[in-house]
Each structure stands twice: as C-alpha cells, then as structure tokens.
C-alpha cells in the first residue's frame, strides 16, 4: 500500500510540475508598428497566450522605448508574427534586421 501511495504522490508531483512549466512559458513575437511620432519600428513582445491577437494587445499595453528616449505610444500595429518567422515585406525585413536585440 505504501508503494501505491508513493507512486500516486510522485505522479501528482510530476503532473503539477509539467503544468506549471507549460503555463510559465511565454510566446515570443515581433511586431511591425507605427508610433505616435510616425516612426515605423519592429518591436519584440512576449505573450502568455500563443496568439498574434494577444501579442497585438500586449504591444499597446507595453508601448515602445528607444534607447535614451521616453516611452512612445503605439498608434497602429501592422503585423505581429512569431519571432522565428521572417516578415513578408522586404522593407519590414530590412527594418527587422536593423532592430537591436
């Protein structure tokens, strides 16, 4: 009986550990945006939900900060894609290449 109880406790512990690690994993996106100053930029965004819509919402909450400048308000999000995929437009791909990470 002790072996069954220990097996049950170990199983619950392992399932809980997998559940916690799955919830804490963030999805990484990059978004092509327009700031309040009419500056186009590519910014990196992390989202708890694996969805481009969630990434777009996170962009508006996060804002954007250039080095040594104040935080910029995002006026428009053109496109959000997973960070491991390239943008389809060549001008945005170039902008993405020059983005400091």
PDB file of N, CA and C in Angstrom:
ATOM      1  N   UNK A   1       0.821  -1.186   0.000  1.00  0.00           N
ATOM      2  CA  UNK A   1       0.000   0.000   0.000  1.00  0.00           C
ATOM      3  C   UNK A   1       0.872   1.260   0.000  1.00  0.00           C
ATOM      4  N   UNK A   2       1.990   1.227   0.696  1.00  0.00           N
ATOM      5  CA  UNK A   2       2.877   2.379   0.720  1.00  0.00           C
ATOM      6  C   UNK A   2       3.448   2.683  -0.665  1.00  0.00           C
ATOM      7  N   UNK A   3       3.712   1.649  -1.449  1.00  0.00           N
ATOM      8  CA  UNK A   3       4.256   1.847  -2.789  1.00  0.00           C
ATOM      9  C   UNK A   3       3.212   2.528  -3.672  1.00  0.00           C
ATOM     10  N   UNK A   4       1.952   2.116  -3.551  1.00  0.00           N
ATOM     11  CA  UNK A   4       0.887   2.735  -4.348  1.00  0.00           C
ATOM     12  C   UNK A   4       0.722   4.211  -3.967  1.00  0.00           C
ATOM     13  N   UNK A   5       0.802   4.501  -2.688  1.00  0.00           N
ATOM     14  CA  UNK A   5       0.667   5.880  -2.214  1.00  0.00           C
ATOM     15  C   UNK A   5       1.830   6.732  -2.704  1.00  0.00           C
ATOM     16  N   UNK A   6       3.038   6.205  -2.622  1.00  0.00           N
ATOM     17  CA  UNK A   6       4.205   6.941  -3.110  1.00  0.00           C
ATOM     18  C   UNK A   6       4.134   7.157  -4.624  1.00  0.00           C
ATOM     19  N   UNK A   7       3.665   6.163  -5.352  1.00  0.00           N
ATOM     20  CA  UNK A   7       3.514   6.292  -6.801  1.00  0.00           C
ATOM     21  C   UNK A   7       2.488   7.365  -7.135  1.00  0.00           C
ATOM     22  N   UNK A   8       1.396   7.391  -6.414  1.00  0.00           N
ATOM     23  CA  UNK A   8       0.355   8.394  -6.628  1.00  0.00           C
ATOM     24  C   UNK A   8       0.884   9.794  -6.331  1.00  0.00           C
ATOM     25  N   UNK A   9       1.600   9.959  -5.250  1.00  0.00           N
ATOM     26  CA  UNK A   9       2.171  11.262  -4.885  1.00  0.00           C
ATOM     27  C   UNK A   9       3.191  11.708  -5.933  1.00  0.00           C
ATOM     28  N   UNK A  10       4.033  10.804  -6.384  1.00  0.00           N
ATOM     29  CA  UNK A  10       5.031  11.141  -7.409  1.00  0.00           C
ATOM     30  C   UNK A  10       4.360  11.535  -8.719  1.00  0.00           C
ATOM     31  N   UNK A  11       3.303  10.838  -9.089  1.00  0.00           N
ATOM     32  CA  UNK A  11       2.570  11.158 -10.318  1.00  0.00           C
ATOM     33  C   UNK A  11       1.941  12.540 -10.231  1.00  0.00           C
ATOM     34  N   UNK A  12       1.330  12.855  -9.118  1.00  0.00           N
ATOM     35  CA  UNK A  12       0.726  14.182  -8.920  1.00  0.00           C
ATOM     36  C   UNK A  12       1.793  15.265  -8.970  1.00  0.00           C
ATOM     37  N   UNK A  13       2.926  15.017  -8.343  1.00  0.00           N
ATOM     38  CA  UNK A  13       4.017  15.993  -8.346  1.00  0.00           C
ATOM     39  C   UNK A  13       4.516  16.256  -9.761  1.00  0.00           C
ATOM     40  N   UNK A  14       4.722  15.207 -10.546  1.00  0.00           N
ATOM     41  CA  UNK A  14       5.212  15.348 -11.918  1.00  0.00           C
ATOM     42  C   UNK A  14       4.190  16.075 -12.780  1.00  0.00           C
ATOM     43  N   UNK A  15       2.921  15.743 -12.638  1.00  0.00           N
ATOM     44  CA  UNK A  15       1.879  16.418 -13.425  1.00  0.00           C
ATOM     45  C   UNK A  15       1.799  17.900 -13.068  1.00  0.00           C
ATOM     46  N   UNK A  16       1.950  18.230 -11.808  1.00  0.00           N
ATOM     47  CA  UNK A  16       1.930  19.625 -11.375  1.00  0.00           C
ATOM     48  C   UNK A  16       3.133  20.376 -11.938  1.00  0.00           C
ATOM     49  N   UNK A  17       4.291  19.759 -11.924  1.00  0.00           N
ATOM     50  CA  UNK A  17       5.498  20.400 -12.457  1.00  0.00           C
ATOM     51  C   UNK A  17       5.352  20.689 -13.946  1.00  0.00           C
ATOM     52  N   UNK A  18       4.816  19.745 -14.714  1.00  0.00           N
ATOM     53  CA  UNK A  18       4.599  19.969 -16.145  1.00  0.00           C
ATOM     54  C   UNK A  18       3.567  21.062 -16.383  1.00  0.00           C
ATOM     55  N   UNK A  19       2.548  21.101 -15.570  1.00  0.00           N
ATOM     56  CA  UNK A  19       1.503  22.118 -15.715  1.00  0.00           C
ATOM     57  C   UNK A  19       2.057  23.510 -15.454  1.00  0.00           C
ATOM     58  N   UNK A  20       2.879  23.655 -14.424  1.00  0.00           N
ATOM     59  CA  UNK A  20       3.476  24.950 -14.090  1.00  0.00           C
ATOM     60  C   UNK A  20       4.421  25.400 -15.189  1.00  0.00           C
ATOM     61  N   UNK A  21       5.249  24.493 -15.700  1.00  0.00           N
ATOM     62  CA  UNK A  21       6.197  24.887 -16.743  1.00  0.00           C
ATOM     63  C   UNK A  21       5.471  25.259 -18.031  1.00  0.00           C
ATOM     64  N   UNK A  22       4.365  24.615 -18.335  1.00  0.00           N
ATOM     65  CA  UNK A  22       3.608  24.950 -19.542  1.00  0.00           C
ATOM     66  C   UNK A  22       2.956  26.320 -19.412  1.00  0.00           C
ATOM     67  N   UNK A  23       2.484  26.666 -18.223  1.00  0.00           N
ATOM     68  CA  UNK A  23       1.840  27.959 -18.021  1.00  0.00           C
ATOM     69  C   UNK A  23       2.843  29.098 -18.000  1.00  0.00           C
ATOM     70  N   UNK A  24       4.050  28.852 -17.515  1.00  0.00           N
ATOM     71  CA  UNK A  24       5.028  29.924 -17.391  1.00  0.00           C
ATOM     72  C   UNK A  24       5.761  30.208 -18.697  1.00  0.00           C
ATOM     73  N   UNK A  25       5.582  29.365 -19.700  1.00  0.00           N
ATOM     74  CA  UNK A  25       6.261  29.573 -20.973  1.00  0.00           C
ATOM     75  C   UNK A  25       5.603  30.728 -21.726  1.00  0.00           C
ATOM     76  N   UNK A  26       6.423  31.658 -22.172  1.00  0.00           N
ATOM     77  CA  UNK A  26       5.929  32.795 -22.918  1.00  0.00           C
ATOM     78  C   UNK A  26       6.162  32.590 -24.405  1.00  0.00           C
ATOM     79  N   UNK A  27       5.229  33.048 -25.204  1.00  0.00           N
ATOM     80  CA  UNK A  27       5.389  33.018 -26.657  1.00  0.00           C
ATOM     81  C   UNK A  27       6.026  34.323 -27.089  1.00  0.00           C
ATOM     82  N   UNK A  28       7.023  34.226 -27.952  1.00  0.00           N
ATOM     83  CA  UNK A  28       7.764  35.403 -28.410  1.00  0.00           C
ATOM     84  C   UNK A  28       7.287  35.828 -29.800  1.00  0.00           C
ATOM     85  N   UNK A  29       7.022  37.110 -29.949  1.00  0.00           N
ATOM     86  CA  UNK A  29       6.566  37.676 -31.213  1.00  0.00           C
ATOM     87  C   UNK A  29       7.390  38.910 -31.544  1.00  0.00           C
ATOM     88  N   UNK A  30       7.343  39.294 -32.817  1.00  0.00           N
ATOM     89  CA  UNK A  30       7.882  40.580 -33.228  1.00  0.00           C
ATOM     90  C   UNK A  30       6.777  41.266 -34.022  1.00  0.00           C
ATOM     91  N   UNK A  31       6.630  42.567 -33.770  1.00  0.00           N
ATOM     92  CA  UNK A  31       5.521  43.303 -34.356  1.00  0.00           C
ATOM     93  C   UNK A  31       6.014  44.540 -35.094  1.00  0.00           C
ATOM     94  N   UNK A  32       5.445  44.757 -36.260  1.00  0.00           N
ATOM     95  CA  UNK A  32       5.718  45.947 -37.071  1.00  0.00           C
ATOM     96  C   UNK A  32       4.689  46.987 -36.652  1.00  0.00           C
ATOM     97  N   UNK A  33       5.168  48.116 -36.102  1.00  0.00           N
ATOM     98  CA  UNK A  33       4.270  49.104 -35.508  1.00  0.00           C
ATOM     99  C   UNK A  33       4.562  50.511 -36.018  1.00  0.00           C
ATOM    100  N   UNK A  34       3.629  51.402 -35.732  1.00  0.00           N
ATOM    101  CA  UNK A  34       3.774  52.825 -36.002  1.00  0.00           C
ATOM    102  C   UNK A  34       3.594  53.547 -34.676  1.00  0.00           C
ATOM    103  N   UNK A  35       4.573  54.396 -34.305  1.00  0.00           N
ATOM    104  CA  UNK A  35       4.495  55.121 -33.037  1.00  0.00           C
ATOM    105  C   UNK A  35       3.731  56.422 -33.219  1.00  0.00           C
ATOM    106  N   UNK A  36       3.482  57.096 -32.101  1.00  0.00           N
ATOM    107  CA  UNK A  36       2.767  58.372 -32.139  1.00  0.00           C
ATOM    108  C   UNK A  36       3.522  59.434 -32.938  1.00  0.00           C
ATOM    109  N   UNK A  37       4.844  59.286 -33.052  1.00  0.00           N
ATOM    110  CA  UNK A  37       5.669  60.223 -33.812  1.00  0.00           C
ATOM    111  C   UNK A  37       5.819  59.816 -35.277  1.00  0.00           C
ATOM    112  N   UNK A  38       4.988  58.883 -35.709  1.00  0.00           N
ATOM    113  CA  UNK A  38       5.002  58.373 -37.085  1.00  0.00           C
ATOM    114  C   UNK A  38       6.315  57.679 -37.448  1.00  0.00           C
ATOM    115  N   UNK A  39       6.899  56.995 -36.467  1.00  0.00           N
ATOM    116  CA  UNK A  39       8.113  56.205 -36.673  1.00  0.00           C
ATOM    117  C   UNK A  39       7.705  54.739 -36.791  1.00  0.00           C
ATOM    118  N   UNK A  40       8.123  54.104 -37.884  1.00  0.00           N
ATOM    119  CA  UNK A  40       7.881  52.676 -38.025  1.00  0.00           C
ATOM    120  C   UNK A  40       9.002  51.928 -37.318  1.00  0.00           C
ATOM    121  N   UNK A  41       8.623  50.868 -36.610  1.00  0.00           N
ATOM    122  CA  UNK A  41       9.612  50.092 -35.873  1.00  0.00           C
ATOM    123  C   UNK A  41       9.163  48.638 -35.791  1.00  0.00           C
ATOM    124  N   UNK A  42      10.121  47.769 -35.498  1.00  0.00           N
ATOM    125  CA  UNK A  42       9.829  46.370 -35.192  1.00  0.00           C
ATOM    126  C   UNK A  42      10.193  46.179 -33.735  1.00  0.00           C
ATOM    127  N   UNK A  43       9.223  45.748 -32.942  1.00  0.00           N
ATOM    128  CA  UNK A  43       9.481  45.556 -31.514  1.00  0.00           C
ATOM    129  C   UNK A  43       9.210  44.109 -31.132  1.00  0.00           C
ATOM    130  N   UNK A  44       9.888  43.663 -30.090  1.00  0.00           N
ATOM    131  CA  UNK A  44       9.722  42.308 -29.573  1.00  0.00           C
ATOM    132  C   UNK A  44       8.688  42.322 -28.458  1.00  0.00           C
ATOM    133  N   UNK A  45       7.832  41.309 -28.469  1.00  0.00           N
ATOM    134  CA  UNK A  45       6.760  41.215 -27.491  1.00  0.00           C
ATOM    135  C   UNK A  45       6.678  39.778 -26.985  1.00  0.00           C
ATOM    136  N   UNK A  46       6.444  39.621 -25.692  1.00  0.00           N
ATOM    137  CA  UNK A  46       6.196  38.306 -25.100  1.00  0.00           C
ATOM    138  C   UNK A  46       4.736  38.241 -24.677  1.00  0.00           C
ATOM    139  N   UNK A  47       4.126  37.097 -24.917  1.00  0.00           N
ATOM    140  CA  UNK A  47       2.725  36.923 -24.566  1.00  0.00           C
ATOM    141  C   UNK A  47       2.535  35.574 -23.898  1.00  0.00           C
ATOM    142  N   UNK A  48       1.697  35.539 -22.871  1.00  0.00           N
ATOM    143  CA  UNK A  48       1.406  34.274 -22.197  1.00  0.00           C
ATOM    144  C   UNK A  48       0.525  33.382 -23.066  1.00  0.00           C
ATOM    145  N   UNK A  49      -0.268  34.028 -23.929  1.00  0.00           N
ATOM    146  CA  UNK A  49      -1.159  33.294 -24.814  1.00  0.00           C
ATOM    147  C   UNK A  49      -0.490  33.184 -26.186  1.00  0.00           C
ATOM    148  N   UNK A  50      -0.521  32.008 -26.763  1.00  0.00           N
ATOM    149  CA  UNK A  50       0.099  31.785 -28.067  1.00  0.00           C
ATOM    150  C   UNK A  50      -0.864  32.254 -29.160  1.00  0.00           C
ATOM    151  N   UNK A  51      -0.906  33.587 -29.359  1.00  0.00           N
ATOM    152  CA  UNK A  51      -1.839  34.170 -30.313  1.00  0.00           C
ATOM    153  C   UNK A  51      -1.308  35.520 -30.780  1.00  0.00           C
ATOM    154  N   UNK A  52      -1.410  35.780 -32.078  1.00  0.00           N
ATOM    155  CA  UNK A  52      -0.964  37.074 -32.594  1.00  0.00           C
ATOM    156  C   UNK A  52      -1.866  38.196 -32.103  1.00  0.00           C
ATOM    157  N   UNK A  53      -3.130  37.904 -31.869  1.00  0.00           N
ATOM    158  CA  UNK A  53      -4.053  38.916 -31.331  1.00  0.00           C
ATOM    159  C   UNK A  53      -3.618  39.313 -29.921  1.00  0.00           C
ATOM    160  N   UNK A  54      -3.233  38.345 -29.111  1.00  0.00           N
ATOM    161  CA  UNK A  54      -2.735  38.638 -27.759  1.00  0.00           C
ATOM    162  C   UNK A  54      -1.451  39.447 -27.824  1.00  0.00           C
ATOM    163  N   UNK A  55      -0.592  39.157 -28.809  1.00  0.00           N
ATOM    164  CA  UNK A  55       0.654  39.915 -28.979  1.00  0.00           C
ATOM    165  C   UNK A  55       0.346  41.361 -29.342  1.00  0.00           C
ATOM    166  N   UNK A  56      -0.629  41.579 -30.228  1.00  0.00           N
ATOM    167  CA  UNK A  56      -1.020  42.941 -30.594  1.00  0.00           C
ATOM    168  C   UNK A  56      -1.537  43.715 -29.389  1.00  0.00           C
ATOM    169  N   UNK A  57      -2.333  43.068 -28.564  1.00  0.00           N
ATOM    170  CA  UNK A  57      -2.834  43.725 -27.345  1.00  0.00           C
ATOM    171  C   UNK A  57      -1.691  44.059 -26.403  1.00  0.00           C
ATOM    172  N   UNK A  58      -0.714  43.165 -26.309  1.00  0.00           N
ATOM    173  CA  UNK A  58       0.439  43.405 -25.439  1.00  0.00           C
ATOM    174  C   UNK A  58       1.263  44.588 -25.923  1.00  0.00           C
ATOM    175  N   UNK A  59       1.325  44.795 -27.244  1.00  0.00           N
ATOM    176  CA  UNK A  59       2.065  45.929 -27.803  1.00  0.00           C
ATOM    177  C   UNK A  59       1.466  47.239 -27.306  1.00  0.00           C
ATOM    178  N   UNK A  60       0.158  47.342 -27.343  1.00  0.00           N
ATOM    179  CA  UNK A  60      -0.488  48.576 -26.907  1.00  0.00           C
ATOM    180  C   UNK A  60      -0.289  48.820 -25.416  1.00  0.00           C
ATOM    181  N   UNK A  61      -0.253  47.760 -24.627  1.00  0.00           N
ATOM    182  CA  UNK A  61      -0.010  47.901 -23.184  1.00  0.00           C
ATOM    183  C   UNK A  61       1.441  48.274 -22.895  1.00  0.00           C
ATOM    184  N   UNK A  62       2.358  47.654 -23.641  1.00  0.00           N
ATOM    185  CA  UNK A  62       3.791  47.813 -23.383  1.00  0.00           C
ATOM    186  C   UNK A  62       4.325  49.157 -23.845  1.00  0.00           C
ATOM    187  N   UNK A  63       3.871  49.623 -25.009  1.00  0.00           N
ATOM    188  CA  UNK A  63       4.469  50.817 -25.589  1.00  0.00           C
ATOM    189  C   UNK A  63       5.820  50.457 -26.186  1.00  0.00           C
ATOM    190  N   UNK A  64       6.609  51.469 -26.457  1.00  0.00           N
ATOM    191  CA  UNK A  64       7.901  51.238 -27.096  1.00  0.00           C
ATOM    192  C   UNK A  64       8.879  52.272 -26.593  1.00  0.00           C
ATOM    193  N   UNK A  65      10.087  51.847 -26.270  1.00  0.00           N
ATOM    194  CA  UNK A  65      11.089  52.774 -25.767  1.00  0.00           C
ATOM    195  C   UNK A  65      12.365  52.651 -26.576  1.00  0.00           C
ATOM    196  N   UNK A  66      12.734  53.756 -27.229  1.00  0.00           N
ATOM    197  CA  UNK A  66      14.011  53.827 -27.920  1.00  0.00           C
ATOM    198  C   UNK A  66      15.097  54.110 -26.888  1.00  0.00           C
ATOM    199  N   UNK A  67      16.338  53.688 -27.154  1.00  0.00           N
ATOM    200  CA  UNK A  67      17.410  53.978 -26.195  1.00  0.00           C
ATOM    201  C   UNK A  67      17.513  55.483 -25.919  1.00  0.00           C
ATOM    202  N   UNK A  68      17.569  55.839 -24.661  1.00  0.00           N
ATOM    203  CA  UNK A  68      17.734  57.212 -24.175  1.00  0.00           C
ATOM    204  C   UNK A  68      16.600  58.140 -24.618  1.00  0.00           C
ATOM    205  N   UNK A  69      15.431  57.603 -24.833  1.00  0.00           N
ATOM    206  CA  UNK A  69      14.252  58.403 -25.146  1.00  0.00           C
ATOM    207  C   UNK A  69      13.110  57.989 -24.240  1.00  0.00           C
ATOM    208  N   UNK A  70      12.090  58.827 -24.189  1.00  0.00           N
ATOM    209  CA  UNK A  70      10.931  58.476 -23.378  1.00  0.00           C
ATOM    210  C   UNK A  70      10.110  57.408 -24.096  1.00  0.00           C
ATOM    211  N   UNK A  71       9.214  56.815 -23.366  1.00  0.00           N
ATOM    212  CA  UNK A  71       8.370  55.761 -23.900  1.00  0.00           C
ATOM    213  C   UNK A  71       7.432  56.340 -24.967  1.00  0.00           C
ATOM    214  N   UNK A  72       7.315  55.636 -26.084  1.00  0.00           N
ATOM    215  CA  UNK A  72       6.458  56.058 -27.190  1.00  0.00           C
ATOM    216  C   UNK A  72       5.138  55.289 -27.142  1.00  0.00           C
ATOM    217  N   UNK A  73       4.072  55.969 -27.501  1.00  0.00           N
ATOM    218  CA  UNK A  73       2.777  55.324 -27.589  1.00  0.00           C
ATOM    219  C   UNK A  73       2.648  54.700 -28.974  1.00  0.00           C
ATOM    220  N   UNK A  74       2.147  53.487 -29.012  1.00  0.00           N
ATOM    221  CA  UNK A  74       1.938  52.798 -30.280  1.00  0.00           C
ATOM    222  C   UNK A  74       0.576  53.218 -30.818  1.00  0.00           C
ATOM    223  N   UNK A  75       0.568  53.746 -32.036  1.00  0.00           N
ATOM    224  CA  UNK A  75      -0.674  54.178 -32.667  1.00  0.00           C
ATOM    225  C   UNK A  75      -1.311  53.069 -33.488  1.00  0.00           C
ATOM    226  N   UNK A  76      -0.464  52.239 -34.138  1.00  0.00           N
ATOM    227  CA  UNK A  76      -1.005  51.213 -35.018  1.00  0.00           C
ATOM    228  C   UNK A  76      -0.061  50.012 -35.046  1.00  0.00           C
ATOM    229  N   UNK A  77      -0.653  48.842 -35.100  1.00  0.00           N
ATOM    230  CA  UNK A  77       0.109  47.602 -35.274  1.00  0.00           C
ATOM    231  C   UNK A  77      -0.226  47.071 -36.653  1.00  0.00           C
ATOM    232  N   UNK A  78       0.782  46.990 -37.515  1.00  0.00           N
ATOM    233  CA  UNK A  78       0.566  46.498 -38.864  1.00  0.00           C
ATOM    234  C   UNK A  78       0.524  44.977 -38.902  1.00  0.00           C
ATOM    235  N   UNK A  79       1.455  44.344 -38.174  1.00  0.00           N
ATOM    236  CA  UNK A  79       1.555  42.889 -38.218  1.00  0.00           C
ATOM    237  C   UNK A  79       2.357  42.380 -37.039  1.00  0.00           C
ATOM    238  N   UNK A  80       1.896  41.284 -36.442  1.00  0.00           N
ATOM    239  CA  UNK A  80       2.662  40.556 -35.433  1.00  0.00           C
ATOM    240  C   UNK A  80       2.834  39.132 -35.929  1.00  0.00           C
ATOM    241  N   UNK A  81       4.064  38.637 -35.804  1.00  0.00           N
ATOM    242  CA  UNK A  81       4.372  37.268 -36.230  1.00  0.00           C
ATOM    243  C   UNK A  81       5.264  36.617 -35.182  1.00  0.00           C
ATOM    244  N   UNK A  82       5.303  35.288 -35.128  1.00  0.00           N
ATOM    245  CA  UNK A  82       6.239  34.629 -34.216  1.00  0.00           C
ATOM    246  C   UNK A  82       7.673  35.074 -34.514  1.00  0.00           C
ATOM    247  N   UNK A  83       8.472  35.175 -33.494  1.00  0.00           N
ATOM    248  CA  UNK A  83       9.817  35.745 -33.635  1.00  0.00           C
ATOM    249  C   UNK A  83      10.749  34.924 -34.519  1.00  0.00           C
ATOM    250  N   UNK A  84      10.419  33.666 -34.767  1.00  0.00           N
ATOM    251  CA  UNK A  84      11.298  32.830 -35.596  1.00  0.00           C
ATOM    252  C   UNK A  84      10.910  32.854 -37.078  1.00  0.00           C
ATOM    253  N   UNK A  85       9.948  33.679 -37.461  1.00  0.00           N
ATOM    254  CA  UNK A  85       9.492  33.779 -38.850  1.00  0.00           C
ATOM    255  C   UNK A  85       9.874  35.151 -39.393  1.00  0.00           C
ATOM    256  N   UNK A  86      10.184  35.219 -40.685  1.00  0.00           N
ATOM    257  CA  UNK A  86      10.537  36.490 -41.314  1.00  0.00           C
ATOM    258  C   UNK A  86       9.286  37.213 -41.805  1.00  0.00           C
ATOM    259  N   UNK A  87       9.351  38.549 -41.814  1.00  0.00           N
ATOM    260  CA  UNK A  87       8.265  39.345 -42.369  1.00  0.00           C
ATOM    261  C   UNK A  87       8.199  39.130 -43.875  1.00  0.00           C
ATOM    262  N   UNK A  88       7.018  39.291 -44.451  1.00  0.00           N
ATOM    263  CA  UNK A  88       6.840  39.042 -45.885  1.00  0.00           C
ATOM    264  C   UNK A  88       7.311  40.220 -46.743  1.00  0.00           C
ATOM    265  N   UNK A  89       7.267  41.428 -46.216  1.00  0.00           N
ATOM    266  CA  UNK A  89       7.659  42.611 -46.982  1.00  0.00           C
ATOM    267  C   UNK A  89       9.151  42.884 -46.816  1.00  0.00           C
ATOM    268  N   UNK A  90       9.833  43.182 -47.914  1.00  0.00           N
ATOM    269  CA  UNK A  90      11.285  43.383 -47.859  1.00  0.00           C
ATOM    270  C   UNK A  90      11.667  44.606 -47.018  1.00  0.00           C
ATOM    271  N   UNK A  91      10.879  45.672 -47.078  1.00  0.00           N
ATOM    272  CA  UNK A  91      11.207  46.866 -46.295  1.00  0.00           C
ATOM    273  C   UNK A  91      11.101  46.596 -44.789  1.00  0.00           C
ATOM    274  N   UNK A  92      10.130  45.783 -44.403  1.00  0.00           N
ATOM    275  CA  UNK A  92       9.980  45.438 -42.978  1.00  0.00           C
ATOM    276  C   UNK A  92      11.066  44.455 -42.557  1.00  0.00           C
ATOM    277  N   UNK A  93      11.461  43.546 -43.453  1.00  0.00           N
ATOM    278  CA  UNK A  93      12.570  42.635 -43.139  1.00  0.00           C
ATOM    279  C   UNK A  93      13.846  43.425 -42.892  1.00  0.00           C
ATOM    280  N   UNK A  94      14.083  44.453 -43.703  1.00  0.00           N
ATOM    281  CA  UNK A  94      15.266  45.304 -43.509  1.00  0.00           C
ATOM    282  C   UNK A  94      15.188  46.025 -42.176  1.00  0.00           C
ATOM    283  N   UNK A  95      14.017  46.551 -41.863  1.00  0.00           N
ATOM    284  CA  UNK A  95      13.813  47.223 -40.576  1.00  0.00           C
ATOM    285  C   UNK A  95      14.064  46.255 -39.423  1.00  0.00           C
ATOM    286  N   UNK A  96      13.610  45.020 -39.583  1.00  0.00           N
ATOM    287  CA  UNK A  96      13.811  43.988 -38.567  1.00  0.00           C
ATOM    288  C   UNK A  96      15.293  43.653 -38.399  1.00  0.00           C
ATOM    289  N   UNK A  97      16.037  43.605 -39.495  1.00  0.00           N
ATOM    290  CA  UNK A  97      17.475  43.309 -39.422  1.00  0.00           C
ATOM    291  C   UNK A  97      18.230  44.377 -38.633  1.00  0.00           C
ATOM    292  N   UNK A  98      17.801  45.627 -38.737  1.00  0.00           N
ATOM    293  CA  UNK A  98      18.483  46.719 -38.048  1.00  0.00           C
ATOM    294  C   UNK A  98      17.977  46.962 -36.628  1.00  0.00           C
ATOM    295  N   UNK A  99      16.984  46.185 -36.222  1.00  0.00           N
ATOM    296  CA  UNK A  99      16.468  46.320 -34.859  1.00  0.00           C
ATOM    297  C   UNK A  99      17.447  45.698 -33.873  1.00  0.00           C
ATOM    298  N   UNK A 100      17.837  46.475 -32.865  1.00  0.00           N
ATOM    299  CA  UNK A 100      18.754  45.971 -31.847  1.00  0.00           C
ATOM    300  C   UNK A 100      18.020  45.019 -30.916  1.00  0.00           C
ATOM    301  N   UNK A 101      18.645  43.882 -30.657  1.00  0.00           N
ATOM    302  CA  UNK A 101      18.046  42.907 -29.732  1.00  0.00           C
ATOM    303  C   UNK A 101      19.090  42.492 -28.732  1.00  0.00           C
TER     304      UNK A 101
END
